[in-house]
C-alpha atoms as a PDB file:
ATOM      1  CA  MET A   1      69.520 111.912  84.848  1.00  0.00           C
ATOM      2  CA  ALA A   2      73.209 112.665  85.437  1.00  0.00           C
ATOM      3  CA  ASP A   3      74.147 114.516  88.583  1.00  0.00           C
ATOM      4  CA  PRO A   4      75.332 118.070  87.755  1.00  0.00           C
ATOM      5  CA  LEU A   5      77.987 117.827  90.495  1.00  0.00           C
ATOM      6  CA  VAL A   6      79.674 114.913  88.687  1.00  0.00           C
ATOM      7  CA  THR A   7      81.956 116.674  86.205  1.00  0.00           C
ATOM      8  CA  SER A   8      85.595 116.545  85.234  1.00  0.00           C
ATOM      9  CA  ASP A   9      86.107 119.582  87.487  1.00  0.00           C
ATOM     10  CA  HIS A  10      84.358 117.781  90.339  1.00  0.00           C
ATOM     11  CA  PRO A  11      85.432 114.156  90.446  1.00  0.00           C
ATOM     12  CA  VAL A  12      83.358 112.010  92.787  1.00  0.00           C
ATOM     13  CA  VAL A  13      84.753 109.686  95.439  1.00  0.00           C
ATOM     14  CA  LEU A  14      82.427 106.856  96.445  1.00  0.00           C
ATOM     15  CA  PHE A  15      83.444 105.227  99.717  1.00  0.00           C
ATOM     16  CA  ASP A  16      82.307 102.690 102.298  1.00  0.00           C
ATOM     17  CA  GLY A  17      80.398 104.930 104.693  1.00  0.00           C
ATOM     18  CA  VAL A  18      80.681 102.600 107.686  1.00  0.00           C
ATOM     19  CA  CYS A  19      84.416 101.896 107.368  1.00  0.00           C
ATOM     20  CA  ASN A  20      86.635 103.911 109.718  1.00  0.00           C
ATOM     21  CA  LEU A  21      89.579 103.681 107.297  1.00  0.00           C
ATOM     22  CA  CYS A  22      87.401 104.924 104.449  1.00  0.00           C
ATOM     23  CA  ASN A  23      85.963 107.790 106.515  1.00  0.00           C
ATOM     24  CA  GLY A  24      89.498 108.721 107.532  1.00  0.00           C
ATOM     25  CA  THR A  25      90.499 108.676 103.875  1.00  0.00           C
ATOM     26  CA  VAL A  26      87.661 111.054 102.995  1.00  0.00           C
ATOM     27  CA  GLN A  27      88.781 113.423 105.770  1.00  0.00           C
ATOM     28  CA  PHE A  28      92.375 113.164 104.465  1.00  0.00           C
ATOM     29  CA  ILE A  29      91.179 114.127 100.973  1.00  0.00           C
ATOM     30  CA  VAL A  30      89.054 117.007 102.292  1.00  0.00           C
ATOM     31  CA  ASP A  31      91.993 118.397 104.285  1.00  0.00           C
ATOM     32  CA  ARG A  32      94.213 118.371 101.182  1.00  0.00           C
ATOM     33  CA  ASP A  33      91.603 119.695  98.763  1.00  0.00           C
ATOM     34  CA  PRO A  34      91.063 123.301  99.878  1.00  0.00           C
ATOM     35  CA  ALA A  35      89.635 124.218  96.466  1.00  0.00           C
ATOM     36  CA  GLY A  36      86.822 121.742  97.093  1.00  0.00           C
ATOM     37  CA  ARG A  37      87.143 119.918  93.762  1.00  0.00           C
ATOM     38  CA  PHE A  38      86.151 116.477  95.063  1.00  0.00           C
ATOM     39  CA  ARG A  39      82.563 115.482  95.728  1.00  0.00           C
ATOM     40  CA  PHE A  40      81.677 112.510  97.921  1.00  0.00           C
ATOM     41  CA  ALA A  41      78.970 109.915  98.455  1.00  0.00           C
ATOM     42  CA  SER A  42      78.926 106.710 100.425  1.00  0.00           C
ATOM     43  CA  LEU A  43      78.478 103.542  98.438  1.00  0.00           C
ATOM     44  CA  GLN A  44      75.535 102.713 100.713  1.00  0.00           C
ATOM     45  CA  SER A  45      73.660 105.910  99.819  1.00  0.00           C
ATOM     46  CA  GLU A  46      71.101 106.498  97.094  1.00  0.00           C
ATOM     47  CA  ALA A  47      73.449 109.075  95.572  1.00  0.00           C
ATOM     48  CA  GLY A  48      76.278 106.540  95.466  1.00  0.00           C
ATOM     49  CA  ALA A  49      73.997 103.935  93.867  1.00  0.00           C
ATOM     50  CA  ARG A  50      72.814 106.496  91.306  1.00  0.00           C
ATOM     51  CA  VAL A  51      76.384 107.400  90.307  1.00  0.00           C
ATOM     52  CA  LEU A  52      77.310 103.718  89.937  1.00  0.00           C
ATOM     53  CA  ARG A  53      74.251 102.997  87.796  1.00  0.00           C
ATOM     54  CA  GLU A  54      74.987 106.036  85.602  1.00  0.00           C
ATOM     55  CA  HIS A  55      78.309 104.345  84.851  1.00  0.00           C
ATOM     56  CA  GLY A  56      76.873 100.907  84.149  1.00  0.00           C
ATOM     57  CA  ARG A  57      77.572  99.365  87.556  1.00  0.00           C
ATOM     58  CA  GLU A  58      75.266  97.980  90.205  1.00  0.00           C
ATOM     59  CA  PRO A  59      75.733  98.954  93.856  1.00  0.00           C
ATOM     60  CA  PRO A  60      77.452  96.279  95.962  1.00  0.00           C
ATOM     61  CA  ALA A  61      75.055  93.747  97.501  1.00  0.00           C
ATOM     62  CA  GLY A  62      77.130  93.430 100.690  1.00  0.00           C
ATOM     63  CA  ASP A  63      80.015  95.360 102.120  1.00  0.00           C
ATOM     64  CA  PRO A  64      81.750  97.428  99.424  1.00  0.00           C
ATOM     65  CA  ASP A  65      85.234  96.212  98.570  1.00  0.00           C
ATOM     66  CA  SER A  66      86.660  99.314  96.938  1.00  0.00           C
ATOM     67  CA  ILE A  67      86.835 103.051  96.888  1.00  0.00           C
ATOM     68  CA  VAL A  68      85.514 104.341  93.560  1.00  0.00           C
ATOM     69  CA  LEU A  69      86.527 107.458  91.679  1.00  0.00           C
ATOM     70  CA  VAL A  70      84.426 108.896  88.873  1.00  0.00           C
ATOM     71  CA  GLU A  71      86.561 111.329  86.943  1.00  0.00           C
ATOM     72  CA  GLY A  72      86.000 112.737  83.485  1.00  0.00           C
ATOM     73  CA  GLY A  73      83.177 110.283  82.822  1.00  0.00           C
ATOM     74  CA  THR A  74      85.304 107.239  83.706  1.00  0.00           C
ATOM     75  CA  LEU A  75      84.871 105.007  86.738  1.00  0.00           C
ATOM     76  CA  TYR A  76      88.030 103.795  88.518  1.00  0.00           C
ATOM     77  CA  GLU A  77      88.192 101.252  91.329  1.00  0.00           C
ATOM     78  CA  HIS A  78      90.684  99.766  93.767  1.00  0.00           C
ATOM     79  CA  SER A  79      94.282 100.974  93.482  1.00  0.00           C
ATOM     80  CA  SER A  80      93.592 102.912  90.283  1.00  0.00           C
ATOM     81  CA  ALA A  81      91.027 105.050  92.128  1.00  0.00           C
ATOM     82  CA  ALA A  82      93.332 105.613  95.104  1.00  0.00           C
ATOM     83  CA  LEU A  83      96.311 106.616  92.968  1.00  0.00           C
ATOM     84  CA  ARG A  84      94.249 108.935  90.754  1.00  0.00           C
ATOM     85  CA  ILE A  85      92.831 110.621  93.845  1.00  0.00           C
ATOM     86  CA  ALA A  86      96.362 111.093  95.210  1.00  0.00           C
ATOM     87  CA  ARG A  87      97.391 112.668  91.903  1.00  0.00           C
ATOM     88  CA  ARG A  88      94.924 115.522  92.482  1.00  0.00           C
ATOM     89  CA  LEU A  89      95.997 116.212  96.085  1.00  0.00           C
ATOM     90  CA  GLY A  90      99.172 118.092  95.261  1.00  0.00           C
ATOM     91  CA  PHE A  91     102.745 117.477  96.313  1.00  0.00           C
ATOM     92  CA  PRO A  92     103.892 115.113  97.833  1.00  0.00           C
ATOM     93  CA  TRP A  93     100.725 113.004  97.425  1.00  0.00           C
ATOM     94  CA  SER A  94     100.658 113.541  93.677  1.00  0.00           C
ATOM     95  CA  LEU A  95     103.857 111.497  93.426  1.00  0.00           C
ATOM     96  CA  GLY A  96     101.695 108.447  94.066  1.00  0.00           C
ATOM     97  CA  VAL A  97     100.725 108.567  90.403  1.00  0.00           C
ATOM     98  CA  VAL A  98     103.991 106.740  89.626  1.00  0.00           C
ATOM     99  CA  GLY A  99     102.307 103.726  91.225  1.00  0.00           C
ATOM    100  CA  LEU A 100     100.174 103.489  88.086  1.00  0.00           C
ATOM    101  CA  ALA A 101     103.323 102.144  86.365  1.00  0.00           C
ATOM    102  CA  VAL A 102     103.082  99.022  88.558  1.00  0.00           C
ATOM    103  CA  PRO A 103     100.919  96.364  86.922  1.00  0.00           C
ATOM    104  CA  ARG A 104      97.339  96.673  88.113  1.00  0.00           C
ATOM    105  CA  LEU A 105      97.181  93.017  89.110  1.00  0.00           C
ATOM    106  CA  ALA A 106      99.979  93.555  91.660  1.00  0.00           C
ATOM    107  CA  ARG A 107      98.622  96.907  92.881  1.00  0.00           C
ATOM    108  CA  ASP A 108      95.126  95.529  93.312  1.00  0.00           C
ATOM    109  CA  ALA A 109      96.387  92.461  95.194  1.00  0.00           C
ATOM    110  CA  VAL A 110      97.822  94.763  97.876  1.00  0.00           C
ATOM    111  CA  TYR A 111      94.726  96.955  97.798  1.00  0.00           C
ATOM    112  CA  ARG A 112      92.390  93.964  98.213  1.00  0.00           C
ATOM    113  CA  PHE A 113      94.457  92.578 101.112  1.00  0.00           C
ATOM    114  CA  ILE A 114      93.999  95.865 102.984  1.00  0.00           C
ATOM    115  CA  ALA A 115      90.323  96.070 101.985  1.00  0.00           C
ATOM    116  CA  ARG A 116      89.640  92.556 103.301  1.00  0.00           C
ATOM    117  CA  ASN A 117      91.127  93.435 106.682  1.00  0.00           C
ATOM    118  CA  ARG A 118      90.004  97.069 107.067  1.00  0.00           C
ATOM    119  CA  TYR A 119      87.143  96.433 109.507  1.00  0.00           C
ATOM    120  CA  ARG A 120      89.341  94.257 111.709  1.00  0.00           C
ATOM    121  CA  TRP A 121      92.237  96.732 111.701  1.00  0.00           C
ATOM    122  CA  PHE A 122      90.362 100.047 111.736  1.00  0.00           C
ATOM    123  CA  GLY A 123      86.835  99.201 112.862  1.00  0.00           C
ATOM    124  CA  ARG A 124      83.481 100.207 111.512  1.00  0.00           C
ATOM    125  CA  GLU A 125      80.509 102.350 112.447  1.00  0.00           C
ATOM    126  CA  GLU A 126      76.886 101.255 112.457  1.00  0.00           C
ATOM    127  CA  SER A 127      75.921 104.000 110.019  1.00  0.00           C
ATOM    128  CA  CYS A 128      77.491 106.609 107.765  1.00  0.00           C
ATOM    129  CA  ARG A 129      78.793 109.694 109.487  1.00  0.00           C
ATOM    130  CA  VAL A 130      76.944 112.918 108.900  1.00  0.00           C
ATOM    131  CA  PRO A 131      79.215 115.581 107.399  1.00  0.00           C
ATOM    132  CA  THR A 132      79.606 118.917 109.099  1.00  0.00           C
ATOM    133  CA  PRO A 133      77.461 121.730 107.687  1.00  0.00           C
ATOM    134  CA  ALA A 134      80.556 123.173 105.964  1.00  0.00           C
ATOM    135  CA  LEU A 135      81.184 119.886 104.138  1.00  0.00           C
ATOM    136  CA  ARG A 136      77.585 118.960 103.386  1.00  0.00           C
ATOM    137  CA  ALA A 137      77.634 120.850 100.065  1.00  0.00           C
ATOM    138  CA  ARG A 138      80.415 118.534  98.844  1.00  0.00           C
ATOM    139  CA  PHE A 139      78.346 115.401  99.450  1.00  0.00           C
ATOM    140  CA  LEU A 140      75.924 114.211  96.801  1.00  0.00           C
ATOM    141  CA  THR A 141      72.326 113.696  97.849  1.00  0.00           C
END
């Protein structure tokens, strides 16, 4: 059964819940999304697995390697997800959409380099952070 919070008005960001860079990215999005359009779930959660399966994907067996955006019924990964998220954050972040003109192979090579090194550079937590009560409604369960 599809999650009613996953709509074109409420795109969903799936993220690595133990990655400090990824958690910082979620906080960055939250701070720039005062209308509360985005919904969130960690890739390690049941909600994250459910959203992936609803879009024909299996949850990662090990550490996730990408942020995922589900928007308008389409699943985006890697640099495409990041740039499409930026597009919805308003100026100046929305200018990042011009990055979609760069061939995906090149964009994703840079994205994957950062993703491979994120734990070493930014660290990781032992478990997903619990959102504040004010943010809990924006997280899928």
